[in-house]
Protein backbone atom coordinates (compact mmCIF):
# COMPACT_ATOMS: atom_id res chain seq x y z
CA MET A 1 24.74 25.75 -12.12
CA PRO A 2 24.31 22.93 -9.54
CA ARG A 3 21.14 20.89 -10.15
CA ALA A 4 19.55 22.02 -6.86
CA LEU A 5 19.91 25.69 -7.81
CA TRP A 6 18.70 24.94 -11.34
CA VAL A 7 15.55 23.30 -9.94
CA LEU A 8 14.88 26.27 -7.65
CA ALA A 9 15.35 28.66 -10.56
CA ARG A 10 12.77 26.69 -12.55
CA CYS A 11 10.37 26.90 -9.61
CA ALA A 12 10.62 30.69 -9.38
CA GLY A 13 7.49 32.56 -10.35
CA ARG A 14 5.14 29.55 -10.57
CA ARG A 15 2.11 30.88 -8.72
CA ARG A 16 -0.98 29.84 -10.65
CA PRO A 17 -2.53 26.39 -10.24
CA PRO A 18 -3.70 24.88 -13.53
CA ARG A 19 -7.46 24.71 -14.06
CA GLU A 20 -7.40 21.88 -16.57
CA PRO A 21 -3.99 20.17 -16.47
CA ALA A 22 -3.17 18.17 -19.57
CA ARG A 23 -0.33 16.22 -17.96
CA ILE A 24 -0.20 15.12 -14.31
CA LEU A 25 2.64 13.47 -12.39
CA VAL A 26 2.34 11.57 -9.10
CA ALA A 27 5.91 11.49 -7.76
CA HIS A 28 7.01 9.15 -4.96
CA ASN A 29 9.16 6.18 -4.02
CA LEU A 30 6.79 4.30 -1.73
CA LEU A 31 6.73 0.62 -0.84
CA LEU A 32 4.08 -1.78 -2.16
CA GLY A 33 1.35 -1.18 0.42
CA ASP A 34 1.62 2.61 0.43
CA THR A 35 1.71 2.65 -3.38
CA LEU A 36 -1.48 0.60 -3.64
CA MET A 37 -3.11 2.86 -1.05
CA LEU A 38 -2.67 5.74 -3.52
CA THR A 39 -5.48 4.23 -5.62
CA PRO A 40 -8.13 6.68 -4.29
CA LEU A 41 -5.88 9.54 -5.41
CA LEU A 42 -5.56 8.04 -8.91
CA ALA A 43 -9.31 7.47 -9.09
CA LYS A 44 -9.99 11.07 -8.09
CA LEU A 45 -7.48 12.51 -10.55
CA ALA A 46 -8.95 10.41 -13.37
CA ALA A 47 -12.49 11.55 -12.55
CA ARG A 48 -11.56 15.20 -11.95
CA PHE A 49 -9.42 15.54 -15.10
CA PRO A 50 -10.70 12.89 -17.53
CA GLY A 51 -8.75 14.23 -20.50
CA ALA A 52 -5.39 14.43 -18.75
CA SER A 53 -2.44 12.13 -19.20
CA LEU A 54 -1.67 10.63 -15.78
CA VAL A 55 1.83 9.34 -14.94
CA MET A 56 3.12 7.89 -11.66
CA THR A 57 6.59 6.87 -10.57
CA VAL A 58 6.71 3.40 -8.97
CA SER A 59 9.37 1.01 -7.76
CA PRO A 60 10.45 -1.25 -10.65
CA ALA A 61 9.25 -4.33 -8.75
CA ILE A 62 5.72 -2.90 -8.56
CA ALA A 63 5.41 -1.68 -12.16
CA SER A 64 4.01 -4.97 -13.51
CA LEU A 65 0.82 -4.56 -11.45
CA TYR A 66 -0.05 -1.45 -13.48
CA ALA A 67 0.30 -3.10 -16.90
CA GLY A 68 -3.43 -2.71 -17.54
CA GLN A 69 -3.28 1.03 -16.74
CA PRO A 70 -5.93 1.19 -14.01
CA TYR A 71 -7.64 4.60 -14.04
CA GLY A 72 -5.61 5.36 -17.17
CA VAL A 73 -2.36 5.75 -15.22
CA GLY A 74 0.92 5.06 -16.95
CA VAL A 75 3.82 4.22 -14.67
CA VAL A 76 7.50 5.06 -14.86
CA PRO A 77 9.73 2.54 -13.04
CA TYR A 78 11.82 4.65 -10.70
CA ASP A 79 14.59 3.80 -8.26
CA PRO A 80 16.33 6.87 -6.80
CA ARG A 81 19.53 4.84 -6.42
CA ASP A 82 19.64 4.16 -10.16
CA SER A 83 20.50 7.00 -12.54
CA ALA A 84 18.46 5.26 -15.24
CA GLY A 85 15.37 5.81 -13.09
CA HIS A 86 15.95 9.56 -13.08
CA PHE A 87 16.49 9.53 -16.84
CA SER A 88 13.15 7.75 -17.32
CA VAL A 89 11.34 10.53 -15.41
CA PHE A 90 13.17 13.38 -17.13
CA ARG A 91 12.95 11.86 -20.63
CA ASP A 92 9.31 12.90 -21.07
CA SER A 93 9.28 15.97 -18.84
CA GLY A 94 6.81 18.82 -18.68
CA TYR A 95 3.81 18.43 -16.35
CA ASP A 96 1.08 20.92 -15.56
CA LEU A 97 0.42 19.41 -12.12
CA ALA A 98 2.45 17.19 -9.81
CA VAL A 99 1.17 15.55 -6.64
CA VAL A 100 3.71 14.39 -4.06
CA PRO A 101 2.30 11.94 -1.47
CA GLY A 102 4.41 10.88 1.50
CA ASP A 103 7.96 12.23 1.52
CA ASN A 104 8.31 15.73 0.14
CA ARG A 105 11.85 15.13 -1.08
CA TYR A 106 10.22 13.96 -4.31
CA SER A 107 8.98 17.48 -4.92
CA TRP A 108 12.52 18.07 -6.18
CA LEU A 109 12.07 15.22 -8.65
CA ALA A 110 8.76 16.72 -9.77
CA ALA A 111 10.34 20.15 -10.22
CA ALA A 112 13.30 18.75 -12.14
CA ALA A 113 10.79 16.95 -14.41
CA GLY A 114 9.33 20.33 -15.35
CA SER A 115 6.21 20.34 -13.17
CA ARG A 116 4.60 23.77 -13.19
CA TRP A 117 2.51 23.36 -10.01
CA ILE A 118 3.38 20.99 -7.17
CA VAL A 119 1.03 19.96 -4.35
CA ALA A 120 2.04 18.09 -1.19
CA PHE A 121 1.23 17.83 2.50
CA GLY A 122 2.89 20.31 4.83
CA GLY A 123 4.93 19.66 7.93
CA ASP A 124 7.68 17.53 6.43
CA ARG A 125 11.14 17.80 7.94
CA PRO A 126 13.67 19.16 7.22
CA ALA A 127 12.01 22.14 5.58
CA TYR A 128 14.20 22.19 2.46
CA LYS A 129 12.43 19.05 1.19
CA SER A 130 9.38 21.23 0.56
CA TRP A 131 11.06 24.21 -1.08
CA PRO A 132 9.84 23.39 -4.61
CA VAL A 133 6.23 22.85 -3.42
CA ASP A 134 3.70 25.49 -4.51
CA GLU A 135 0.78 24.34 -2.38
CA LEU A 136 1.23 22.74 1.05
CA ARG A 137 -1.96 21.20 2.39
CA PRO A 138 -2.60 20.24 6.02
CA TYR A 139 -3.24 16.68 7.08
CA PRO A 140 -6.89 16.13 8.08
CA ALA A 141 -7.82 16.94 11.67
CA LYS A 142 -9.96 13.81 12.07
CA PRO A 143 -9.02 10.12 11.64
CA GLN A 144 -9.04 8.84 8.08
CA ALA A 145 -7.61 5.98 6.11
CA TRP A 146 -4.36 6.97 4.43
CA GLY A 147 -5.79 6.32 0.98
CA ASP A 148 -8.66 8.72 1.62
CA MET A 149 -6.17 11.26 2.96
CA MET A 150 -4.14 11.08 -0.24
CA ALA A 151 -7.24 11.77 -2.33
CA GLY A 152 -7.53 14.98 -0.30
CA LEU A 153 -4.51 16.37 -2.12
CA VAL A 154 -6.89 17.07 -5.01
CA ASP A 155 -9.97 19.30 -4.82
CA GLY A 156 -13.38 17.95 -5.70
CA THR A 157 -15.82 15.28 -4.60
CA ALA A 158 -14.55 12.00 -3.22
CA PRO A 159 -13.86 9.29 -5.80
CA ALA A 160 -16.43 6.58 -6.43
CA GLN A 161 -15.93 3.50 -4.30
CA TYR A 162 -13.57 0.89 -5.67
CA ARG A 163 -14.79 -1.87 -7.97
CA VAL A 164 -12.63 -4.85 -8.85
CA SER A 165 -13.34 -4.19 -12.53
CA ASP A 166 -11.53 -0.84 -12.20
CA TRP A 167 -8.16 -2.63 -12.16
CA PRO A 168 -7.36 -5.06 -15.01
CA ASP A 169 -5.51 -8.20 -13.97
CA PRO A 170 -1.81 -7.92 -14.83
CA PRO A 171 -0.34 -10.64 -17.05
CA SER A 172 1.78 -13.15 -15.16
CA ARG A 173 4.11 -16.01 -15.90
CA PRO A 174 2.50 -19.43 -15.33
CA PHE A 175 3.05 -21.31 -12.09
CA PRO A 176 1.38 -24.38 -10.52
CA ALA A 177 -1.70 -22.85 -8.89
CA PRO A 178 -3.59 -24.64 -6.10
CA LYS A 179 -6.48 -26.92 -6.96
CA GLY A 180 -9.94 -26.60 -5.50
CA ARG A 181 -11.15 -24.07 -2.96
CA TYR A 182 -8.28 -22.58 -0.97
CA GLY A 183 -7.22 -19.80 1.37
CA VAL A 184 -3.87 -18.00 1.40
CA LEU A 185 -2.15 -17.52 4.76
CA HIS A 186 0.53 -14.91 4.09
CA VAL A 187 2.76 -15.15 7.14
CA GLY A 188 5.59 -12.76 6.24
CA ALA A 189 5.84 -9.07 7.07
CA SER A 190 8.22 -6.15 6.76
CA THR A 191 9.35 -6.63 10.37
CA VAL A 192 9.32 -9.49 12.86
CA LEU A 193 7.23 -7.23 15.09
CA LYS A 194 4.30 -7.74 12.69
CA GLN A 195 4.56 -11.53 12.65
CA TRP A 196 1.96 -13.68 14.40
CA GLU A 197 3.01 -16.66 16.52
CA PRO A 198 3.66 -19.93 14.62
CA GLY A 199 1.30 -21.92 16.87
CA LYS A 200 -1.59 -19.62 16.04
CA TRP A 201 -0.95 -19.92 12.31
CA ARG A 202 -0.93 -23.72 12.64
CA ALA A 203 -4.18 -23.64 14.60
CA LEU A 204 -5.78 -21.32 12.06
CA ALA A 205 -4.79 -23.61 9.19
CA ALA A 206 -6.28 -26.60 11.02
CA ALA A 207 -9.50 -24.73 11.78
CA LEU A 208 -9.92 -23.61 8.16
CA GLY A 209 -9.30 -27.18 7.02
CA LYS A 210 -12.17 -28.35 9.21
CA ARG A 211 -14.32 -25.76 7.48
CA GLY A 212 -13.58 -27.38 4.13
CA LEU A 213 -11.01 -24.86 2.93
CA GLY A 214 -7.61 -25.88 1.62
CA VAL A 215 -4.66 -23.82 2.89
CA VAL A 216 -1.50 -22.60 1.18
CA TRP A 217 1.29 -20.62 2.81
CA SER A 218 2.71 -17.44 1.34
CA GLY A 219 5.59 -15.11 2.10
CA GLY A 220 8.12 -12.88 0.44
CA ARG A 221 11.71 -13.52 -0.51
CA GLY A 222 13.58 -15.27 2.29
CA GLU A 223 10.40 -15.93 4.27
CA ASP A 224 10.30 -19.63 3.46
CA ARG A 225 12.11 -20.02 6.80
CA VAL A 226 9.08 -18.47 8.52
CA VAL A 227 6.86 -21.05 6.85
CA ARG A 228 9.19 -23.88 7.90
CA GLU A 229 8.95 -22.73 11.51
CA ILE A 230 5.16 -22.76 11.28
CA ASP A 231 4.77 -25.95 9.27
CA PRO A 232 7.96 -28.03 9.66
CA GLU A 233 6.23 -31.16 8.36
CA GLY A 234 5.08 -29.43 5.17
CA ARG A 235 1.42 -30.30 5.63
CA HIS A 236 0.33 -27.46 3.37
CA PRO A 237 1.84 -26.22 0.09
CA SER A 238 4.03 -23.14 0.33
CA TYR A 239 4.60 -20.38 -2.22
CA ALA A 240 6.88 -18.36 0.04
CA GLY A 241 9.66 -16.68 -1.94
CA GLN A 242 8.54 -18.30 -5.20
CA LEU A 243 6.24 -15.72 -6.79
CA ASP A 244 6.69 -12.27 -8.24
CA LEU A 245 3.96 -9.70 -7.59
CA ALA A 246 1.98 -10.44 -10.75
CA GLN A 247 1.97 -14.15 -9.88
CA MET A 248 0.95 -13.29 -6.32
CA TRP A 249 -1.97 -11.35 -7.78
CA ARG A 250 -3.03 -14.48 -9.67
CA LEU A 251 -2.71 -16.63 -6.53
CA LEU A 252 -4.96 -14.22 -4.61
CA LYS A 253 -7.40 -13.94 -7.52
CA GLY A 254 -8.18 -17.64 -7.26
CA ALA A 255 -8.41 -17.70 -3.46
CA SER A 256 -11.52 -17.73 -1.28
CA LEU A 257 -9.71 -16.06 1.63
CA LEU A 258 -6.53 -14.17 2.51
CA VAL A 259 -5.25 -13.82 6.07
CA CYS A 260 -2.10 -11.78 6.63
CA PRO A 261 -0.43 -9.20 8.87
CA ASP A 262 -0.58 -5.51 8.06
CA THR A 263 1.65 -5.64 5.00
CA GLY A 264 1.60 -4.82 1.28
CA ILE A 265 -0.14 -8.09 0.42
CA ALA A 266 -3.13 -7.05 2.56
CA HIS A 267 -3.59 -3.99 0.34
CA MET A 268 -3.16 -6.10 -2.77
CA GLY A 269 -5.94 -8.31 -1.45
CA ARG A 270 -8.32 -5.35 -1.46
CA ILE A 271 -7.32 -4.46 -5.02
CA VAL A 272 -7.77 -8.04 -6.23
CA GLY A 273 -11.05 -8.38 -4.33
CA VAL A 274 -10.24 -11.54 -2.36
CA PRO A 275 -11.96 -11.66 1.06
CA THR A 276 -9.18 -10.42 3.36
CA VAL A 277 -8.55 -10.52 7.10
CA THR A 278 -5.67 -8.28 8.22
CA LEU A 279 -3.95 -8.55 11.60
CA PHE A 280 -2.87 -5.19 13.03
CA GLY A 281 -0.29 -5.15 15.80
CA PRO A 282 2.03 -2.11 15.62
CA GLY A 283 0.09 -0.54 12.77
CA SER A 284 -3.15 1.39 12.79
CA ALA A 285 -6.31 -0.37 11.61
CA VAL A 286 -7.81 3.07 10.96
CA LEU A 287 -4.90 4.53 9.04
CA CYS A 288 -4.22 1.43 6.92
CA GLY A 289 -7.75 0.10 6.77
CA ALA A 290 -10.38 0.15 4.04
CA GLY A 291 -11.64 3.68 4.68
CA GLU A 292 -14.35 5.07 2.45
CA PHE A 293 -12.85 4.10 -0.89
CA TRP A 294 -12.78 0.36 -0.08
CA ARG A 295 -15.78 0.46 2.26
CA SER A 296 -17.69 -2.15 0.21
CA SER A 297 -14.75 -4.53 -0.13
CA PRO A 298 -14.85 -7.96 1.56
CA TYR A 299 -12.35 -6.91 4.21
CA ARG A 300 -12.01 -7.27 7.98
CA SER A 301 -9.35 -5.99 10.38
CA VAL A 302 -8.37 -7.64 13.66
CA THR A 303 -6.59 -5.61 16.33
CA VAL A 304 -6.53 -4.88 20.04
CA GLU A 305 -7.82 -1.34 20.35
CA ASP A 306 -5.84 1.22 22.36
CA PHE A 307 -2.86 -1.07 22.92
CA SER A 308 -0.64 0.78 25.37
CA CYS A 309 2.56 1.00 23.31
CA ARG A 310 0.80 1.83 20.04
CA ASP A 311 1.32 5.43 21.05
CA GLN A 312 3.35 7.17 18.34
CA ARG A 313 1.82 10.02 16.34
CA ILE A 314 4.42 10.39 13.60
CA LEU A 315 3.55 9.70 9.96
CA PHE A 316 6.12 10.53 7.27
CA LYS A 317 7.87 12.77 9.82
CA ARG A 318 4.67 14.74 10.51
CA ASP A 319 3.19 14.84 14.00
CA ILE A 320 -0.54 14.11 13.58
CA PRO A 321 -2.50 14.24 16.86
CA TRP A 322 -5.01 11.49 16.06
CA VAL A 323 -2.53 8.93 14.68
CA ARG A 324 -1.84 5.96 16.95
CA ARG A 325 0.80 3.62 15.61
CA CYS A 326 4.15 2.11 16.50
CA GLY A 327 7.18 2.39 14.26
CA ARG A 328 9.71 0.93 16.69
CA GLY A 329 12.25 -1.52 15.35
CA ALA A 330 13.40 -4.85 16.73
CA GLY A 331 16.20 -3.07 18.59
CA GLU A 332 13.65 -1.02 20.54
CA CYS A 333 11.04 -3.75 21.10
CA ASP A 334 12.18 -7.30 21.79
CA ARG A 335 8.73 -8.92 21.74
CA PRO A 336 5.61 -8.15 19.65
CA LEU A 337 3.09 -8.15 22.50
CA CYS A 338 0.58 -6.33 20.30
CA MET A 339 0.56 -9.25 17.85
CA GLU A 340 0.55 -11.84 20.61
CA ALA A 341 -2.56 -10.17 22.02
CA ILE A 342 -4.52 -11.10 18.87
CA ALA A 343 -6.41 -14.29 19.70
CA LEU A 344 -7.08 -17.12 17.28
CA GLU A 345 -10.80 -16.86 18.05
CA GLN A 346 -10.86 -13.20 16.96
CA VAL A 347 -9.40 -14.12 13.59
CA LEU A 348 -11.70 -17.10 13.07
CA VAL A 349 -14.78 -14.99 13.72
CA GLN A 350 -13.76 -12.65 10.90
CA CYS A 351 -12.83 -15.53 8.59
CA ASP A 352 -16.23 -17.14 9.17
CA GLY A 353 -17.95 -13.84 8.50
CA LEU A 354 -16.27 -13.56 5.11
CA LEU A 355 -16.61 -17.22 4.17
CA GLY A 356 -20.22 -17.47 5.25
CA ASN A 357 -19.15 -20.08 7.85
CA MET A 358 -18.52 -23.11 5.64
CA SER A 359 -18.66 -25.53 8.57
């Protein structure tokens, strides 16, 4: 029998949600930022079912961040392009409950792993991605942060607000960390349309220096060229492309400030607890902001509200009336006007608010 038919056969007749699941799977293949924004869901599952074994699939590159098992979650490194990743999920199969955030195609993974009740959001396209799902829930009708929305996949009261002590620091390989009091300016992003202008980064670094704060540059693999464009004379140390995620965690842990575009590192900043200023151009400061779960975190967003071309309502192929974001690529937009509209003064005001104005 083809695997797809075998999965559907296993799904047949599953009509009762478990009252007290002993084993729970969170099945997805999300990028860093979206994965970290699932933390409210993990917190709610841990509080709602304290005796359950909680397992989540994560990209292999992200797995190290969960070494301390925050909220008791154990992770399975999973890459859908690697057959070994599927074997890792199937090796210890048999789950009472599976939650599928984001793309519903992973409901098939949950079903093949022996999940007896699968919950996901409705409206995904094409429809066959949701065939194994037992319970399709609607997206909320009012604006929420995505992390809070994900927690809504589970019944019960909202999870307690995040505390830094909830997430043990992952072990990391040593690297030469900065000395003294410093801020991290993470200049890279998943798309050039989220990058801020080099001149503004230089001016921000100079302004923070006058406030008595050392500055280090940061970026992902291959983004050392972005740093060179900003700081061709190498006035400030750069860690761009040099650190894995666990080392990046350690760099942020020692920092007094993080400034970055709307990217995965911004969400890591909230987890670590470093005072964070996030620049939102194409993205939504509501959707990807602190929400209720991180409401007490030292976090500020900077954006230009109601920017004219931040007008798309699609999120994971669902049309959500209140969403306002832009997912256009470089081929559709040749200049990030939404990022250019963010003024240096706006960012400095938020930095000063978090630093207590060190000048």
